[in-house]
N, C-alpha and C. Protein backbone atom coordinates (compact mmCIF):
# COMPACT_ATOMS: atom_id res chain seq x y z
N MET A 1 106.28 83.84 103.46
CA MET A 1 105.73 85.19 103.44
C MET A 1 106.10 85.91 102.14
N GLN A 2 107.36 85.75 101.70
CA GLN A 2 107.81 86.42 100.49
C GLN A 2 107.03 85.94 99.27
N ALA A 3 106.70 84.63 99.22
CA ALA A 3 105.92 84.10 98.10
C ALA A 3 104.52 84.72 98.10
N GLN A 4 103.95 84.88 99.29
CA GLN A 4 102.62 85.48 99.39
C GLN A 4 102.65 86.92 98.90
N ILE A 5 103.68 87.67 99.29
CA ILE A 5 103.79 89.07 98.86
C ILE A 5 103.93 89.14 97.35
N SER A 6 104.78 88.31 96.75
CA SER A 6 104.96 88.37 95.30
C SER A 6 103.68 87.94 94.58
N GLU A 7 102.90 87.02 95.19
CA GLU A 7 101.64 86.61 94.57
C GLU A 7 100.69 87.80 94.47
N TYR A 8 100.60 88.60 95.53
CA TYR A 8 99.72 89.76 95.51
C TYR A 8 100.24 90.85 94.59
N LYS A 9 101.55 91.02 94.54
CA LYS A 9 102.12 92.08 93.72
C LYS A 9 102.06 91.76 92.24
N SER A 10 101.98 90.48 91.88
CA SER A 10 102.07 90.12 90.46
C SER A 10 100.74 90.13 89.73
N THR A 11 99.62 90.22 90.45
CA THR A 11 98.34 90.05 89.78
C THR A 11 97.36 91.21 89.90
N PRO A 12 97.76 92.43 90.25
CA PRO A 12 96.74 93.47 90.41
C PRO A 12 95.94 93.75 89.14
N MET A 13 96.56 93.69 87.97
CA MET A 13 95.83 93.98 86.74
C MET A 13 94.73 92.94 86.50
N THR A 14 95.01 91.69 86.77
CA THR A 14 94.01 90.64 86.62
C THR A 14 92.81 90.90 87.52
N TRP A 15 93.07 91.24 88.77
CA TRP A 15 91.99 91.50 89.71
C TRP A 15 91.23 92.78 89.34
N TRP A 16 91.94 93.78 88.84
CA TRP A 16 91.30 95.01 88.41
C TRP A 16 90.34 94.74 87.25
N VAL A 17 90.78 93.93 86.29
CA VAL A 17 89.94 93.56 85.16
C VAL A 17 88.72 92.78 85.64
N LEU A 18 88.92 91.81 86.54
CA LEU A 18 87.80 91.03 87.06
C LEU A 18 86.80 91.91 87.80
N LYS A 19 87.31 92.85 88.59
CA LYS A 19 86.42 93.75 89.34
C LYS A 19 85.57 94.57 88.38
N ASN A 20 86.19 95.17 87.39
CA ASN A 20 85.45 96.02 86.45
C ASN A 20 84.54 95.22 85.52
N LEU A 21 84.98 94.05 85.11
CA LEU A 21 84.13 93.19 84.30
C LEU A 21 82.90 92.75 85.12
N GLY A 22 83.13 92.40 86.38
CA GLY A 22 82.01 92.03 87.26
C GLY A 22 81.03 93.16 87.44
N LEU A 23 81.53 94.39 87.61
CA LEU A 23 80.63 95.55 87.73
C LEU A 23 79.83 95.77 86.45
N LEU A 24 80.48 95.60 85.30
CA LEU A 24 79.76 95.74 84.03
C LEU A 24 78.67 94.68 83.89
N ILE A 25 78.97 93.46 84.30
CA ILE A 25 77.97 92.40 84.22
C ILE A 25 76.81 92.69 85.17
N LEU A 26 77.13 93.19 86.38
CA LEU A 26 76.05 93.55 87.31
C LEU A 26 75.20 94.68 86.74
N LEU A 27 75.83 95.67 86.12
CA LEU A 27 75.06 96.75 85.48
C LEU A 27 74.17 96.22 84.37
N PHE A 28 74.73 95.35 83.54
CA PHE A 28 73.94 94.74 82.47
C PHE A 28 72.77 93.96 83.07
N ASN A 29 73.03 93.20 84.12
CA ASN A 29 71.98 92.42 84.78
C ASN A 29 70.86 93.33 85.29
N ALA A 30 71.23 94.47 85.89
CA ALA A 30 70.22 95.40 86.40
C ALA A 30 69.42 96.02 85.25
N PHE A 31 70.10 96.42 84.16
CA PHE A 31 69.38 96.98 83.01
C PHE A 31 68.47 95.94 82.36
N TYR A 32 68.96 94.71 82.28
CA TYR A 32 68.15 93.64 81.70
C TYR A 32 66.92 93.38 82.57
N ALA A 33 67.13 93.32 83.89
CA ALA A 33 66.00 93.12 84.80
C ALA A 33 65.00 94.27 84.69
N ALA A 34 65.50 95.49 84.57
CA ALA A 34 64.62 96.65 84.45
C ALA A 34 63.82 96.59 83.15
N SER A 35 64.46 96.16 82.07
CA SER A 35 63.77 96.10 80.78
C SER A 35 62.67 95.03 80.78
N ARG A 36 62.81 94.04 81.61
CA ARG A 36 61.81 92.97 81.70
C ARG A 36 60.84 93.18 82.87
N GLY A 37 61.02 94.29 83.59
CA GLY A 37 60.14 94.57 84.72
C GLY A 37 60.42 93.70 85.93
N ASN A 38 61.65 93.20 86.05
CA ASN A 38 62.00 92.27 87.13
C ASN A 38 62.85 92.90 88.22
N LEU A 39 62.76 94.20 88.42
CA LEU A 39 63.50 94.82 89.51
C LEU A 39 62.84 94.44 90.82
N ASN A 40 63.58 94.63 91.90
CA ASN A 40 63.05 94.34 93.22
C ASN A 40 61.70 95.06 93.37
N GLY A 41 60.66 94.30 93.72
CA GLY A 41 59.31 94.86 93.77
C GLY A 41 59.06 95.76 94.97
N ASN A 42 59.87 95.68 95.99
CA ASN A 42 59.70 96.49 97.18
C ASN A 42 60.28 97.89 96.92
N SER A 43 59.42 98.91 96.92
CA SER A 43 59.89 100.25 96.57
C SER A 43 60.90 100.80 97.58
N ALA A 44 60.76 100.42 98.86
CA ALA A 44 61.73 100.88 99.86
C ALA A 44 63.12 100.29 99.57
N VAL A 45 63.18 99.03 99.20
CA VAL A 45 64.46 98.39 98.87
C VAL A 45 65.02 98.99 97.60
N LEU A 46 64.16 99.29 96.65
CA LEU A 46 64.61 99.89 95.40
C LEU A 46 65.21 101.28 95.64
N ILE A 47 64.57 102.06 96.49
CA ILE A 47 65.10 103.39 96.83
C ILE A 47 66.43 103.24 97.57
N LEU A 48 66.51 102.28 98.50
CA LEU A 48 67.76 102.02 99.21
C LEU A 48 68.85 101.61 98.22
N ALA A 49 68.52 100.72 97.30
CA ALA A 49 69.50 100.26 96.30
C ALA A 49 70.03 101.42 95.47
N GLN A 50 69.13 102.29 95.01
CA GLN A 50 69.56 103.43 94.21
C GLN A 50 70.41 104.39 95.03
N SER A 51 70.05 104.59 96.29
CA SER A 51 70.84 105.48 97.16
C SER A 51 72.23 104.93 97.40
N VAL A 52 72.32 103.62 97.64
CA VAL A 52 73.63 102.99 97.85
C VAL A 52 74.47 103.07 96.58
N MET A 53 73.84 102.85 95.42
CA MET A 53 74.57 102.94 94.15
C MET A 53 75.11 104.34 93.91
N VAL A 54 74.28 105.34 94.11
CA VAL A 54 74.71 106.73 93.90
C VAL A 54 75.81 107.09 94.90
N SER A 55 75.65 106.69 96.15
CA SER A 55 76.68 106.97 97.17
C SER A 55 78.00 106.32 96.78
N GLY A 56 77.94 105.08 96.32
CA GLY A 56 79.16 104.39 95.92
C GLY A 56 79.83 105.04 94.73
N ALA A 57 79.03 105.39 93.72
CA ALA A 57 79.61 106.04 92.54
C ALA A 57 80.23 107.38 92.90
N LEU A 58 79.54 108.18 93.70
CA LEU A 58 80.08 109.48 94.10
C LEU A 58 81.34 109.33 94.95
N THR A 59 81.35 108.35 95.84
CA THR A 59 82.53 108.10 96.66
C THR A 59 83.73 107.80 95.78
N SER A 60 83.56 106.93 94.81
CA SER A 60 84.65 106.58 93.91
C SER A 60 85.12 107.79 93.10
N ILE A 61 84.18 108.52 92.54
CA ILE A 61 84.53 109.65 91.67
C ILE A 61 85.22 110.77 92.44
N VAL A 62 84.65 111.17 93.58
CA VAL A 62 85.23 112.26 94.37
C VAL A 62 86.64 111.92 94.83
N HIS A 63 86.84 110.70 95.30
CA HIS A 63 88.16 110.33 95.80
C HIS A 63 89.16 110.08 94.67
N TYR A 64 88.69 109.67 93.51
CA TYR A 64 89.58 109.57 92.36
C TYR A 64 90.14 110.95 92.01
N PHE A 65 89.25 111.94 91.93
CA PHE A 65 89.71 113.28 91.57
C PHE A 65 90.59 113.90 92.66
N ALA A 66 90.32 113.59 93.92
CA ALA A 66 91.19 114.06 95.01
C ALA A 66 92.58 113.45 94.86
N LEU A 67 92.63 112.18 94.56
CA LEU A 67 93.92 111.50 94.36
C LEU A 67 94.63 112.04 93.13
N LYS A 68 93.88 112.26 92.07
CA LYS A 68 94.46 112.79 90.83
C LYS A 68 94.99 114.21 91.03
N HIS A 69 94.26 115.01 91.82
CA HIS A 69 94.70 116.38 92.10
C HIS A 69 96.01 116.39 92.89
N ALA A 70 96.13 115.50 93.86
CA ALA A 70 97.34 115.44 94.69
C ALA A 70 98.51 114.79 93.96
N ASN A 71 98.22 113.84 93.08
CA ASN A 71 99.25 113.10 92.35
C ASN A 71 98.83 112.99 90.89
N PRO A 72 99.25 113.93 90.05
CA PRO A 72 98.83 113.89 88.64
C PRO A 72 99.11 112.56 87.95
N ASN A 73 100.18 111.89 88.33
CA ASN A 73 100.49 110.57 87.78
C ASN A 73 100.11 109.54 88.83
N ILE A 74 98.85 109.09 88.80
CA ILE A 74 98.34 108.19 89.83
C ILE A 74 99.14 106.90 89.91
N GLY A 75 99.63 106.42 88.80
CA GLY A 75 100.40 105.18 88.79
C GLY A 75 101.70 105.27 89.56
N LYS A 76 102.23 106.47 89.71
CA LYS A 76 103.48 106.67 90.46
C LYS A 76 103.29 107.86 91.40
N PRO A 77 102.56 107.65 92.50
CA PRO A 77 102.27 108.77 93.41
C PRO A 77 103.53 109.30 94.07
N GLU A 78 103.53 110.62 94.29
CA GLU A 78 104.66 111.27 94.95
C GLU A 78 104.44 111.39 96.45
N GLY A 79 103.20 111.27 96.88
CA GLY A 79 102.90 111.38 98.30
C GLY A 79 101.57 110.72 98.62
N LEU A 80 101.38 110.42 99.89
CA LEU A 80 100.12 109.83 100.33
C LEU A 80 99.04 110.90 100.43
N VAL A 81 97.84 110.55 100.06
CA VAL A 81 96.69 111.43 100.26
C VAL A 81 95.96 110.84 101.46
N SER A 82 96.18 111.43 102.63
CA SER A 82 95.60 110.85 103.84
C SER A 82 94.77 111.85 104.63
N ASP A 83 94.58 113.04 104.09
CA ASP A 83 93.89 114.08 104.87
C ASP A 83 92.64 114.62 104.18
N PHE A 84 92.13 113.90 103.18
CA PHE A 84 90.93 114.36 102.47
C PHE A 84 89.85 113.29 102.57
N GLY A 85 88.63 113.72 102.85
CA GLY A 85 87.47 112.84 102.80
C GLY A 85 87.64 111.54 103.56
N LEU A 86 87.27 110.46 102.92
CA LEU A 86 87.35 109.15 103.56
C LEU A 86 88.77 108.63 103.69
N PHE A 87 89.73 109.27 103.02
CA PHE A 87 91.13 108.87 103.19
C PHE A 87 91.55 109.00 104.66
N ARG A 88 90.84 109.81 105.43
CA ARG A 88 91.14 109.94 106.86
C ARG A 88 90.72 108.70 107.64
N LEU A 89 89.79 107.91 107.06
CA LEU A 89 89.25 106.73 107.76
C LEU A 89 89.65 105.41 107.13
N VAL A 90 89.79 105.39 105.81
CA VAL A 90 90.15 104.15 105.10
C VAL A 90 91.23 104.44 104.07
N ARG A 91 91.98 103.39 103.75
CA ARG A 91 93.06 103.56 102.77
C ARG A 91 92.59 103.40 101.33
N HIS A 92 91.41 102.82 101.13
CA HIS A 92 90.94 102.55 99.77
C HIS A 92 89.49 103.01 99.59
N PRO A 93 89.22 104.31 99.67
CA PRO A 93 87.83 104.76 99.54
C PRO A 93 87.22 104.52 98.15
N MET A 94 88.05 104.48 97.12
CA MET A 94 87.50 104.22 95.79
C MET A 94 86.99 102.78 95.69
N TYR A 95 87.70 101.85 96.30
CA TYR A 95 87.22 100.46 96.33
C TYR A 95 85.99 100.34 97.22
N LEU A 96 85.92 101.13 98.27
CA LEU A 96 84.71 101.17 99.08
C LEU A 96 83.54 101.62 98.22
N GLY A 97 83.75 102.65 97.42
CA GLY A 97 82.70 103.12 96.51
C GLY A 97 82.29 102.06 95.51
N ASP A 98 83.26 101.34 94.95
CA ASP A 98 82.94 100.25 94.03
C ASP A 98 82.12 99.17 94.72
N SER A 99 82.48 98.88 95.97
CA SER A 99 81.75 97.86 96.74
C SER A 99 80.33 98.30 97.02
N LEU A 100 80.14 99.58 97.35
CA LEU A 100 78.78 100.09 97.58
C LEU A 100 77.95 100.03 96.29
N LEU A 101 78.56 100.38 95.19
CA LEU A 101 77.88 100.28 93.89
C LEU A 101 77.44 98.84 93.64
N CYS A 102 78.32 97.91 93.92
CA CYS A 102 78.03 96.49 93.76
C CYS A 102 76.85 96.06 94.63
N VAL A 103 76.86 96.45 95.90
CA VAL A 103 75.75 96.10 96.81
C VAL A 103 74.44 96.69 96.31
N GLY A 104 74.47 97.92 95.86
CA GLY A 104 73.26 98.55 95.33
C GLY A 104 72.71 97.81 94.11
N LEU A 105 73.60 97.37 93.23
CA LEU A 105 73.16 96.63 92.05
C LEU A 105 72.53 95.29 92.42
N VAL A 106 73.10 94.63 93.43
CA VAL A 106 72.53 93.36 93.87
C VAL A 106 71.17 93.58 94.51
N LEU A 107 71.04 94.63 95.32
CA LEU A 107 69.74 94.94 95.93
C LEU A 107 68.69 95.30 94.88
N MET A 108 69.13 95.95 93.81
CA MET A 108 68.20 96.39 92.79
C MET A 108 67.65 95.20 91.98
N ALA A 109 68.53 94.28 91.62
CA ALA A 109 68.12 93.14 90.80
C ALA A 109 68.70 91.86 91.39
N PRO A 110 68.14 91.40 92.51
CA PRO A 110 68.71 90.21 93.16
C PRO A 110 68.50 88.95 92.33
N SER A 111 69.57 88.20 92.18
CA SER A 111 69.52 86.91 91.48
C SER A 111 70.78 86.14 91.85
N LEU A 112 70.81 84.87 91.50
CA LEU A 112 72.02 84.08 91.75
C LEU A 112 73.20 84.64 90.96
N THR A 113 72.93 85.11 89.76
CA THR A 113 73.98 85.70 88.93
C THR A 113 74.57 86.93 89.59
N SER A 114 73.71 87.82 90.08
CA SER A 114 74.22 89.05 90.70
C SER A 114 74.98 88.74 91.98
N VAL A 115 74.52 87.77 92.76
CA VAL A 115 75.23 87.41 93.99
C VAL A 115 76.60 86.80 93.65
N PHE A 116 76.65 85.95 92.63
CA PHE A 116 77.92 85.35 92.22
C PHE A 116 78.93 86.43 91.82
N PHE A 117 78.49 87.36 90.97
CA PHE A 117 79.41 88.40 90.53
C PHE A 117 79.75 89.37 91.64
N ALA A 118 78.83 89.60 92.57
CA ALA A 118 79.14 90.44 93.73
C ALA A 118 80.24 89.80 94.57
N LEU A 119 80.17 88.49 94.76
CA LEU A 119 81.22 87.80 95.52
C LEU A 119 82.56 87.85 94.78
N LEU A 120 82.52 87.71 93.47
CA LEU A 120 83.74 87.82 92.66
C LEU A 120 84.34 89.22 92.79
N ILE A 121 83.49 90.23 92.75
CA ILE A 121 83.96 91.61 92.89
C ILE A 121 84.57 91.83 94.27
N CYS A 122 83.93 91.30 95.31
CA CYS A 122 84.47 91.43 96.68
C CYS A 122 85.85 90.80 96.78
N LEU A 123 86.02 89.62 96.19
CA LEU A 123 87.33 88.97 96.19
C LEU A 123 88.36 89.82 95.46
N ALA A 124 87.97 90.34 94.30
CA ALA A 124 88.90 91.17 93.52
C ALA A 124 89.28 92.44 94.28
N VAL A 125 88.29 93.08 94.91
CA VAL A 125 88.57 94.30 95.68
C VAL A 125 89.52 93.99 96.83
N TRP A 126 89.27 92.89 97.52
CA TRP A 126 90.13 92.49 98.64
C TRP A 126 91.57 92.30 98.17
N ARG A 127 91.75 91.57 97.06
CA ARG A 127 93.10 91.32 96.54
C ARG A 127 93.76 92.62 96.08
N LEU A 128 92.99 93.52 95.47
CA LEU A 128 93.54 94.80 95.04
C LEU A 128 93.97 95.64 96.23
N CYS A 129 93.18 95.65 97.28
CA CYS A 129 93.54 96.40 98.49
C CYS A 129 94.87 95.91 99.05
N ILE A 130 95.03 94.61 99.14
CA ILE A 130 96.27 94.04 99.68
C ILE A 130 97.45 94.38 98.78
N ALA A 131 97.27 94.23 97.47
CA ALA A 131 98.35 94.53 96.53
C ALA A 131 98.76 96.00 96.63
N GLU A 132 97.77 96.89 96.71
CA GLU A 132 98.10 98.32 96.80
C GLU A 132 98.73 98.66 98.15
N ASP A 133 98.31 98.00 99.21
CA ASP A 133 98.96 98.22 100.51
C ASP A 133 100.43 97.83 100.46
N PHE A 134 100.74 96.68 99.82
CA PHE A 134 102.14 96.27 99.68
C PHE A 134 102.93 97.31 98.88
N ALA A 135 102.34 97.78 97.79
CA ALA A 135 103.04 98.76 96.95
C ALA A 135 103.26 100.07 97.70
N MET A 136 102.23 100.54 98.42
CA MET A 136 102.38 101.81 99.16
C MET A 136 103.37 101.66 100.32
N GLN A 137 103.38 100.50 100.96
CA GLN A 137 104.31 100.30 102.07
C GLN A 137 105.74 100.32 101.56
N SER A 138 105.97 99.69 100.41
CA SER A 138 107.34 99.67 99.89
C SER A 138 107.77 101.05 99.39
N GLN A 139 106.81 101.87 98.95
CA GLN A 139 107.17 103.19 98.44
C GLN A 139 107.27 104.24 99.54
N PHE A 140 106.36 104.19 100.52
CA PHE A 140 106.29 105.26 101.51
C PHE A 140 106.77 104.86 102.91
N GLY A 141 107.01 103.59 103.14
CA GLY A 141 107.61 103.12 104.39
C GLY A 141 106.88 103.51 105.65
N THR A 142 107.60 104.20 106.56
CA THR A 142 107.02 104.51 107.87
C THR A 142 105.84 105.47 107.79
N GLU A 143 105.84 106.36 106.79
CA GLU A 143 104.69 107.25 106.63
C GLU A 143 103.42 106.43 106.38
N PHE A 144 103.53 105.40 105.55
CA PHE A 144 102.40 104.52 105.29
C PHE A 144 102.04 103.72 106.54
N ASP A 145 103.04 103.24 107.27
CA ASP A 145 102.79 102.48 108.50
C ASP A 145 102.02 103.31 109.51
N HIS A 146 102.36 104.58 109.65
CA HIS A 146 101.62 105.47 110.57
C HIS A 146 100.18 105.66 110.11
N TRP A 147 99.99 105.80 108.80
CA TRP A 147 98.65 105.95 108.26
C TRP A 147 97.83 104.68 108.51
N CYS A 148 98.47 103.52 108.37
CA CYS A 148 97.78 102.24 108.62
C CYS A 148 97.30 102.14 110.06
N GLN A 149 98.06 102.67 110.99
CA GLN A 149 97.67 102.63 112.40
C GLN A 149 96.43 103.47 112.67
N LYS A 150 96.22 104.52 111.86
CA LYS A 150 95.09 105.43 112.07
C LYS A 150 93.86 105.07 111.24
N THR A 151 94.00 104.20 110.25
CA THR A 151 92.90 103.93 109.32
C THR A 151 92.62 102.44 109.20
N ASN A 152 91.47 102.14 108.63
CA ASN A 152 91.14 100.77 108.27
C ASN A 152 91.38 100.61 106.77
N ARG A 153 91.40 99.36 106.33
CA ARG A 153 91.71 99.10 104.94
C ARG A 153 90.57 99.52 104.01
N LEU A 154 89.32 99.13 104.35
CA LEU A 154 88.24 99.33 103.39
C LEU A 154 86.97 99.91 103.99
N ILE A 155 86.58 99.47 105.18
CA ILE A 155 85.31 99.89 105.78
C ILE A 155 85.61 100.76 107.00
N PRO A 156 85.18 102.01 107.01
CA PRO A 156 85.50 102.91 108.13
C PRO A 156 85.08 102.32 109.47
N LEU A 157 85.98 102.40 110.44
CA LEU A 157 85.76 101.98 111.81
C LEU A 157 85.49 100.51 112.00
N VAL A 158 85.58 99.70 110.92
CA VAL A 158 85.27 98.28 111.03
C VAL A 158 86.44 97.43 110.54
N PHE A 159 86.84 97.61 109.26
CA PHE A 159 87.82 96.73 108.66
C PHE A 159 88.70 97.52 107.70
């Protein structure tokens, strides 16, 4: 168990880079598809994709600023933010937003490349969630444990 914990704690920067690089590649893929007229031809799916993308981006941005407001030094938080927005339902709403953005990009320009990078992003988000849970548990102890009992890790009411 201790080896597993140290494995998650030692690699968050690598997973963060992979997640953001994957999102950039998905964005590039969507822009490239748009420039060639290869976006999803179904207008209902395209509207859904854009709505999911905007929802994901707004979720990430709003919760980032809420976290920044509560803890000016995000890298070393002084307290848990558990009573604002989606923090009441999930422990990682910014990663939820990144995941929604990823799903929207795949819906907008579906291809094997976009699916591959979406899966890579999902793996990176999962590993980042676990690493941050370990870090928060070691810093906040029972307060974090109580929050875990009331919330899900990433998807409200599901997971």
